[in-house]
C-alpha atoms as a PDB file:
ATOM      1  CA  MET A   1      67.294 117.270-120.206  1.00  0.00           C
ATOM      2  CA  SER A   2      69.022 113.938-119.693  1.00  0.00           C
ATOM      3  CA  ARG A   3      67.199 110.681-118.947  1.00  0.00           C
ATOM      4  CA  ALA A   4      68.873 110.607-115.495  1.00  0.00           C
ATOM      5  CA  GLN A   5      67.391 113.993-114.604  1.00  0.00           C
ATOM      6  CA  ASN A   6      63.906 112.649-115.388  1.00  0.00           C
ATOM      7  CA  SER A   7      64.351 109.560-113.228  1.00  0.00           C
ATOM      8  CA  PRO A   8      62.244 109.291-110.069  1.00  0.00           C
ATOM      9  CA  PRO A   9      64.043 109.607-106.725  1.00  0.00           C
ATOM     10  CA  ILE A  10      65.306 106.411-105.128  1.00  0.00           C
ATOM     11  CA  VAL A  11      63.154 105.286-102.221  1.00  0.00           C
ATOM     12  CA  ALA A  12      65.335 103.919 -99.421  1.00  0.00           C
ATOM     13  CA  GLU A  13      62.936 101.149 -98.429  1.00  0.00           C
ATOM     14  CA  SER A  14      59.561 100.214 -99.877  1.00  0.00           C
ATOM     15  CA  LEU A  15      56.506  99.251 -97.852  1.00  0.00           C
ATOM     16  CA  ALA A  16      56.866  95.695 -99.139  1.00  0.00           C
ATOM     17  CA  GLU A  17      60.450  95.548 -97.874  1.00  0.00           C
ATOM     18  CA  ARG A  18      59.392  96.767 -94.439  1.00  0.00           C
ATOM     19  CA  VAL A  19      56.637  94.155 -94.319  1.00  0.00           C
ATOM     20  CA  ALA A  20      59.137  91.511 -95.468  1.00  0.00           C
ATOM     21  CA  ASP A  21      61.469  92.455 -92.622  1.00  0.00           C
ATOM     22  CA  ARG A  22      58.648  92.083 -90.084  1.00  0.00           C
ATOM     23  CA  ILE A  23      57.556  88.721 -91.452  1.00  0.00           C
ATOM     24  CA  SER A  24      61.188  87.584 -91.473  1.00  0.00           C
ATOM     25  CA  SER A  25      61.531  88.608 -87.820  1.00  0.00           C
ATOM     26  CA  ALA A  26      58.381  86.630 -86.999  1.00  0.00           C
ATOM     27  CA  ILE A  27      59.867  83.564 -88.670  1.00  0.00           C
ATOM     28  CA  MET A  28      63.155  83.956 -86.789  1.00  0.00           C
ATOM     29  CA  ARG A  29      61.284  84.271 -83.468  1.00  0.00           C
ATOM     30  CA  GLY A  30      59.414  81.071 -84.198  1.00  0.00           C
ATOM     31  CA  ASP A  31      56.035  82.846 -84.417  1.00  0.00           C
ATOM     32  CA  LEU A  32      55.596  81.044 -87.744  1.00  0.00           C
ATOM     33  CA  ALA A  33      56.415  77.347 -87.729  1.00  0.00           C
ATOM     34  CA  LEU A  34      58.414  75.557 -90.386  1.00  0.00           C
ATOM     35  CA  GLY A  35      56.013  74.610 -93.164  1.00  0.00           C
ATOM     36  CA  GLU A  36      53.227  76.905 -91.877  1.00  0.00           C
ATOM     37  CA  ARG A  37      51.100  78.725 -94.441  1.00  0.00           C
ATOM     38  CA  LEU A  38      51.454  82.512 -94.548  1.00  0.00           C
ATOM     39  CA  GLY A  39      47.937  83.884 -94.195  1.00  0.00           C
ATOM     40  CA  GLU A  40      48.138  87.040 -96.294  1.00  0.00           C
ATOM     41  CA  GLN A  41      44.917  88.577 -94.954  1.00  0.00           C
ATOM     42  CA  ARG A  42      45.879  87.920 -91.328  1.00  0.00           C
ATOM     43  CA  TRP A  43      49.271  89.567 -91.738  1.00  0.00           C
ATOM     44  CA  ALA A  44      47.795  92.464 -93.709  1.00  0.00           C
ATOM     45  CA  GLU A  45      45.430  93.143 -90.796  1.00  0.00           C
ATOM     46  CA  ALA A  46      48.239  92.763 -88.259  1.00  0.00           C
ATOM     47  CA  PHE A  47      50.406  95.314 -90.090  1.00  0.00           C
ATOM     48  CA  GLY A  48      47.539  97.646 -91.023  1.00  0.00           C
ATOM     49  CA  VAL A  49      48.189  97.372 -94.766  1.00  0.00           C
ATOM     50  CA  SER A  50      46.400  95.916 -97.786  1.00  0.00           C
ATOM     51  CA  ARG A  51      47.160  92.431 -99.055  1.00  0.00           C
ATOM     52  CA  GLY A  52      49.223  93.852-101.933  1.00  0.00           C
ATOM     53  CA  PRO A  53      52.335  94.757 -99.878  1.00  0.00           C
ATOM     54  CA  VAL A  54      52.078  91.443 -98.005  1.00  0.00           C
ATOM     55  CA  ARG A  55      52.085  89.518-101.275  1.00  0.00           C
ATOM     56  CA  GLU A  56      55.022  91.576-102.562  1.00  0.00           C
ATOM     57  CA  ALA A  57      56.819  90.895 -99.288  1.00  0.00           C
ATOM     58  CA  ALA A  58      56.095  87.181 -99.660  1.00  0.00           C
ATOM     59  CA  LEU A  59      57.641  87.208-103.126  1.00  0.00           C
ATOM     60  CA  LEU A  60      60.727  88.963-101.749  1.00  0.00           C
ATOM     61  CA  LEU A  61      61.038  86.390 -98.963  1.00  0.00           C
ATOM     62  CA  THR A  62      60.612  83.558-101.451  1.00  0.00           C
ATOM     63  CA  ALA A  63      63.545  84.929-103.428  1.00  0.00           C
ATOM     64  CA  ARG A  64      65.570  85.103-100.188  1.00  0.00           C
ATOM     65  CA  GLY A  65      64.770  81.503 -99.285  1.00  0.00           C
ATOM     66  CA  HIS A  66      62.551  82.265 -96.288  1.00  0.00           C
ATOM     67  CA  LEU A  67      59.317  81.140 -97.934  1.00  0.00           C
ATOM     68  CA  VAL A  68      58.283  78.748-100.686  1.00  0.00           C
ATOM     69  CA  GLN A  69      55.334  79.278-103.035  1.00  0.00           C
ATOM     70  CA  HIS A  70      52.971  76.481-104.014  1.00  0.00           C
ATOM     71  CA  ALA A  71      50.668  77.009-106.981  1.00  0.00           C
ATOM     72  CA  ARG A  72      47.078  77.813-105.962  1.00  0.00           C
ATOM     73  CA  ARG A  73      47.949  77.227-102.303  1.00  0.00           C
ATOM     74  CA  GLY A  74      49.956  80.305-101.394  1.00  0.00           C
ATOM     75  CA  PHE A  75      53.185  80.905 -99.492  1.00  0.00           C
ATOM     76  CA  PHE A  76      54.619  78.687 -96.777  1.00  0.00           C
ATOM     77  CA  VAL A  77      57.519  79.045 -94.333  1.00  0.00           C
ATOM     78  CA  ARG A  78      60.530  77.185 -95.601  1.00  0.00           C
ATOM     79  CA  SER A  79      60.919  73.723 -94.101  1.00  0.00           C
ATOM     80  CA  PHE A  80      63.962  71.472 -94.276  1.00  0.00           C
ATOM     81  CA  THR A  81      64.547  67.882 -95.248  1.00  0.00           C
ATOM     82  CA  SER A  82      67.419  65.831 -93.897  1.00  0.00           C
ATOM     83  CA  GLU A  83      69.106  66.105 -97.305  1.00  0.00           C
ATOM     84  CA  GLU A  84      68.787  69.889 -97.323  1.00  0.00           C
ATOM     85  CA  ILE A  85      70.423  70.128 -93.896  1.00  0.00           C
ATOM     86  CA  ASP A  86      73.327  68.013 -95.145  1.00  0.00           C
ATOM     87  CA  SER A  87      73.675  70.249 -98.199  1.00  0.00           C
ATOM     88  CA  LEU A  88      73.503  73.413 -96.087  1.00  0.00           C
ATOM     89  CA  TYR A  89      76.235  72.360 -93.698  1.00  0.00           C
ATOM     90  CA  ASP A  90      78.371  70.894 -96.488  1.00  0.00           C
ATOM     91  CA  MET A  91      78.411  74.306 -98.184  1.00  0.00           C
ATOM     92  CA  ARG A  92      79.090  76.042 -94.883  1.00  0.00           C
ATOM     93  CA  LEU A  93      82.081  73.773 -94.331  1.00  0.00           C
ATOM     94  CA  ALA A  94      83.460  74.586 -97.786  1.00  0.00           C
ATOM     95  CA  VAL A  95      83.109  78.350 -97.161  1.00  0.00           C
ATOM     96  CA  GLU A  96      84.716  78.338 -93.718  1.00  0.00           C
ATOM     97  CA  ARG A  97      87.528  75.989 -94.702  1.00  0.00           C
ATOM     98  CA  HIS A  98      88.487  78.228 -97.605  1.00  0.00           C
ATOM     99  CA  ALA A  99      88.258  81.303 -95.388  1.00  0.00           C
ATOM    100  CA  LEU A 100      90.716  79.671 -92.972  1.00  0.00           C
ATOM    101  CA  LEU A 101      93.115  78.811 -95.787  1.00  0.00           C
ATOM    102  CA  ARG A 102      93.212  82.476 -96.824  1.00  0.00           C
ATOM    103  CA  ILE A 103      93.474  83.762 -93.255  1.00  0.00           C
ATOM    104  CA  LEU A 104      96.349  81.506 -92.266  1.00  0.00           C
ATOM    105  CA  ARG A 105      98.145  82.223 -95.508  1.00  0.00           C
ATOM    106  CA  ASP A 106      97.802  86.006 -95.605  1.00  0.00           C
ATOM    107  CA  GLY A 107      96.116  87.296 -92.449  1.00  0.00           C
ATOM    108  CA  ASP A 108      97.301  88.913 -89.234  1.00  0.00           C
ATOM    109  CA  THR A 109      96.445  85.848 -87.175  1.00  0.00           C
ATOM    110  CA  THR A 110      97.169  87.459 -83.804  1.00  0.00           C
ATOM    111  CA  ALA A 111      94.752  90.328 -84.432  1.00  0.00           C
ATOM    112  CA  ILE A 112      92.169  87.990 -85.928  1.00  0.00           C
ATOM    113  CA  ALA A 113      92.421  85.607 -82.965  1.00  0.00           C
ATOM    114  CA  ASP A 114      91.949  88.553 -80.602  1.00  0.00           C
ATOM    115  CA  SER A 115      88.772  89.559 -82.475  1.00  0.00           C
ATOM    116  CA  LEU A 116      87.474  85.997 -82.371  1.00  0.00           C
ATOM    117  CA  ALA A 117      88.202  85.761 -78.637  1.00  0.00           C
ATOM    118  CA  ARG A 118      86.139  88.914 -78.050  1.00  0.00           C
ATOM    119  CA  GLN A 119      83.288  87.299 -79.951  1.00  0.00           C
ATOM    120  CA  VAL A 120      83.537  84.206 -77.723  1.00  0.00           C
ATOM    121  CA  ALA A 121      83.229  86.571 -74.748  1.00  0.00           C
ATOM    122  CA  GLN A 122      79.931  87.810 -76.212  1.00  0.00           C
ATOM    123  CA  MET A 123      78.783  84.213 -76.535  1.00  0.00           C
ATOM    124  CA  LYS A 124      79.620  83.669 -72.853  1.00  0.00           C
ATOM    125  CA  ALA A 125      77.616  86.758 -71.916  1.00  0.00           C
ATOM    126  CA  ALA A 126      74.616  85.289 -73.746  1.00  0.00           C
ATOM    127  CA  LEU A 127      75.250  81.988 -71.981  1.00  0.00           C
ATOM    128  CA  ALA A 128      75.230  83.723 -68.594  1.00  0.00           C
ATOM    129  CA  LYS A 129      71.785  85.121 -69.400  1.00  0.00           C
ATOM    130  CA  ALA A 130      70.607  81.699 -70.651  1.00  0.00           C
ATOM    131  CA  ASP A 131      69.509  83.483 -73.829  1.00  0.00           C
ATOM    132  CA  VAL A 132      69.398  80.618 -76.310  1.00  0.00           C
ATOM    133  CA  ARG A 133      68.508  82.820 -79.248  1.00  0.00           C
ATOM    134  CA  GLN A 134      71.394  85.174 -78.530  1.00  0.00           C
ATOM    135  CA  ILE A 135      73.773  82.243 -78.117  1.00  0.00           C
ATOM    136  CA  ALA A 136      72.834  81.061 -81.600  1.00  0.00           C
ATOM    137  CA  GLU A 137      73.205  84.558 -83.071  1.00  0.00           C
ATOM    138  CA  THR A 138      76.574  85.203 -81.435  1.00  0.00           C
ATOM    139  CA  ASP A 139      77.723  81.750 -82.556  1.00  0.00           C
ATOM    140  CA  LEU A 140      76.940  82.615 -86.162  1.00  0.00           C
ATOM    141  CA  ALA A 141      78.503  86.059 -85.649  1.00  0.00           C
ATOM    142  CA  PHE A 142      81.748  84.317 -84.626  1.00  0.00           C
ATOM    143  CA  HIS A 143      81.813  82.364 -87.875  1.00  0.00           C
ATOM    144  CA  ARG A 144      80.777  85.401 -89.906  1.00  0.00           C
ATOM    145  CA  LEU A 145      83.658  87.353 -88.399  1.00  0.00           C
ATOM    146  CA  LEU A 146      86.015  84.522 -89.264  1.00  0.00           C
ATOM    147  CA  THR A 147      84.765  84.439 -92.851  1.00  0.00           C
ATOM    148  CA  SER A 148      84.976  88.223 -93.171  1.00  0.00           C
ATOM    149  CA  LYS A 149      88.684  88.102 -92.279  1.00  0.00           C
ATOM    150  CA  SER A 150      89.345  86.036 -95.420  1.00  0.00           C
ATOM    151  CA  GLY A 151      89.282  89.227 -97.480  1.00  0.00           C
ATOM    152  CA  ASN A 152      86.970  87.616-100.031  1.00  0.00           C
ATOM    153  CA  PRO A 153      83.575  89.393-100.154  1.00  0.00           C
ATOM    154  CA  ARG A 154      82.000  86.572-102.163  1.00  0.00           C
ATOM    155  CA  LEU A 155      82.774  84.100 -99.402  1.00  0.00           C
ATOM    156  CA  LEU A 156      81.120  86.449 -96.926  1.00  0.00           C
ATOM    157  CA  LYS A 157      78.061  86.869 -99.170  1.00  0.00           C
ATOM    158  CA  GLU A 158      77.698  83.092 -99.384  1.00  0.00           C
ATOM    159  CA  PHE A 159      78.050  82.766 -95.618  1.00  0.00           C
ATOM    160  CA  ASP A 160      75.338  85.391 -95.049  1.00  0.00           C
ATOM    161  CA  GLU A 161      72.939  83.489 -97.296  1.00  0.00           C
ATOM    162  CA  LEU A 162      73.681  80.260 -95.438  1.00  0.00           C
ATOM    163  CA  SER A 163      73.212  82.007 -92.084  1.00  0.00           C
ATOM    164  CA  THR A 164      69.716  83.111 -93.043  1.00  0.00           C
ATOM    165  CA  GLU A 165      68.724  79.515 -93.690  1.00  0.00           C
ATOM    166  CA  ILE A 166      70.382  78.318 -90.486  1.00  0.00           C
ATOM    167  CA  LEU A 167      68.517  80.924 -88.406  1.00  0.00           C
ATOM    168  CA  ILE A 168      65.223  79.858 -89.958  1.00  0.00           C
ATOM    169  CA  LEU A 169      66.051  76.259 -89.095  1.00  0.00           C
ATOM    170  CA  ILE A 170      67.002  76.880 -85.481  1.00  0.00           C
ATOM    171  CA  SER A 171      64.006  79.160 -84.886  1.00  0.00           C
ATOM    172  CA  ARG A 172      61.890  76.036 -84.390  1.00  0.00           C
ATOM    173  CA  LEU A 173      64.465  73.865 -82.661  1.00  0.00           C
ATOM    174  CA  ASP A 174      65.077  73.740 -78.932  1.00  0.00           C
ATOM    175  CA  LEU A 175      68.768  74.584 -78.582  1.00  0.00           C
ATOM    176  CA  MET A 176      68.600  73.877 -74.867  1.00  0.00           C
ATOM    177  CA  ARG A 177      68.588  70.219 -75.865  1.00  0.00           C
ATOM    178  CA  LEU A 178      72.225  70.857 -76.643  1.00  0.00           C
ATOM    179  CA  ASP A 179      74.869  71.712 -74.056  1.00  0.00           C
ATOM    180  CA  PRO A 180      75.149  75.509 -74.533  1.00  0.00           C
ATOM    181  CA  GLU A 181      78.282  75.780 -72.379  1.00  0.00           C
ATOM    182  CA  ALA A 182      80.042  73.074 -74.396  1.00  0.00           C
ATOM    183  CA  LEU A 183      78.909  74.804 -77.592  1.00  0.00           C
ATOM    184  CA  VAL A 184      80.529  78.079 -76.531  1.00  0.00           C
ATOM    185  CA  ASP A 185      83.734  76.436 -75.280  1.00  0.00           C
ATOM    186  CA  SER A 186      84.095  74.450 -78.506  1.00  0.00           C
ATOM    187  CA  HIS A 187      85.156  77.673 -80.268  1.00  0.00           C
ATOM    188  CA  LEU A 188      88.244  78.147 -78.096  1.00  0.00           C
ATOM    189  CA  PRO A 189      90.494  75.518 -79.754  1.00  0.00           C
ATOM    190  CA  LEU A 190      89.785  77.139 -83.128  1.00  0.00           C
ATOM    191  CA  VAL A 191      90.795  80.548 -81.766  1.00  0.00           C
ATOM    192  CA  ASP A 192      94.040  79.018 -80.448  1.00  0.00           C
ATOM    193  CA  ALA A 193      94.770  77.319 -83.773  1.00  0.00           C
ATOM    194  CA  VAL A 194      94.324  80.619 -85.649  1.00  0.00           C
ATOM    195  CA  ARG A 195      96.560  82.415 -83.148  1.00  0.00           C
ATOM    196  CA  GLN A 196      99.277  79.796 -83.601  1.00  0.00           C
ATOM    197  CA  ARG A 197      98.854  79.792 -87.398  1.00  0.00           C
ATOM    198  CA  ASP A 198      98.174  76.058 -87.162  1.00  0.00           C
ATOM    199  CA  LEU A 199      96.355  75.290 -90.408  1.00  0.00           C
ATOM    200  CA  ASP A 200      95.890  71.570 -89.780  1.00  0.00           C
ATOM    201  CA  GLY A 201      94.555  72.254 -86.302  1.00  0.00           C
ATOM    202  CA  ALA A 202      92.226  75.005 -87.507  1.00  0.00           C
ATOM    203  CA  LEU A 203      90.797  72.829 -90.264  1.00  0.00           C
ATOM    204  CA  ARG A 204      90.399  69.902 -87.886  1.00  0.00           C
ATOM    205  CA  GLU A 205      88.516  72.039 -85.361  1.00  0.00           C
ATOM    206  CA  THR A 206      86.304  73.503 -88.095  1.00  0.00           C
ATOM    207  CA  ASP A 207      85.502  70.052 -89.466  1.00  0.00           C
ATOM    208  CA  PHE A 208      84.546  68.839 -85.993  1.00  0.00           C
ATOM    209  CA  HIS A 209      82.537  71.948 -85.109  1.00  0.00           C
ATOM    210  CA  ILE A 210      80.435  72.044 -88.263  1.00  0.00           C
ATOM    211  CA  GLU A 211      79.900  68.294 -88.394  1.00  0.00           C
ATOM    212  CA  ASP A 212      78.745  68.360 -84.775  1.00  0.00           C
ATOM    213  CA  ALA A 213      76.339  71.206 -85.613  1.00  0.00           C
ATOM    214  CA  ARG A 214      74.991  69.283 -88.607  1.00  0.00           C
ATOM    215  CA  LEU A 215      74.361  66.150 -86.565  1.00  0.00           C
ATOM    216  CA  SER A 216      72.701  68.192 -83.811  1.00  0.00           C
ATOM    217  CA  MET A 217      70.349  69.867 -86.292  1.00  0.00           C
ATOM    218  CA  GLN A 218      69.481  66.498 -87.827  1.00  0.00           C
ATOM    219  CA  ARG A 219      68.772  64.988 -84.422  1.00  0.00           C
ATOM    220  CA  MET A 220      66.624  67.873 -83.206  1.00  0.00           C
ATOM    221  CA  LEU A 221      64.673  68.008 -86.471  1.00  0.00           C
ATOM    222  CA  ALA A 222      63.938  64.272 -86.148  1.00  0.00           C
ATOM    223  CA  GLU A 223      62.815  64.747 -82.538  1.00  0.00           C
ATOM    224  CA  LEU A 224      60.560  67.650 -83.565  1.00  0.00           C
ATOM    225  CA  ALA A 225      58.994  65.514 -86.304  1.00  0.00           C
ATOM    226  CA  GLU A 226      58.259  62.771 -83.781  1.00  0.00           C
ATOM    227  CA  GLU A 227      56.646  65.249 -81.372  1.00  0.00           C
ATOM    228  CA  GLU A 228      54.404  66.675 -84.085  1.00  0.00           C
ATOM    229  CA  THR A 229      53.099  63.283 -85.226  1.00  0.00           C
END
């Protein structure tokens, strides 16, 4: 009998992975603050499991960048320095700029612009409900869609990793301090530039959009730090 025939069946999702998903959701909702310690016993009791799966989940989330581990102190929700925010948005800019270069060189820009416009409509629906969390998610979905149209799966993988960090960051920031309507409308010139196959215009709008987002995150993080002191 072959080695493959003796192999155990593949389990679709382990208990640790399910626990990791629930802890991740708690982080995204803001139930766990940036820098807060993950109390393994408390979460084990909340989920009705032993501490083992919670610790395994914490290790998974550390690998994904959601948590950090400090020796002899445990696991903590990822926090961000000003330098890390700059690095995060610098990489995001590089990914989206390259995606645009590929799209405007090889893509069906009319069809892509139509898809992006539909995503803006979803952002407006979230705006109408004053759902700040959904506005943020549909905003990132717009940029994920744009990146996906590049045809380069590695660019999309990088964007997804960046998005996870961005969602952790904004989970503790008050996006209503921004102008949500202006945020949604700021995507329209980029859609028009893609439709017109205007590379310079598309890059200019992307530079402005991501730089504005970076500065907003920096400002809100500074305000949060002041409030917590």
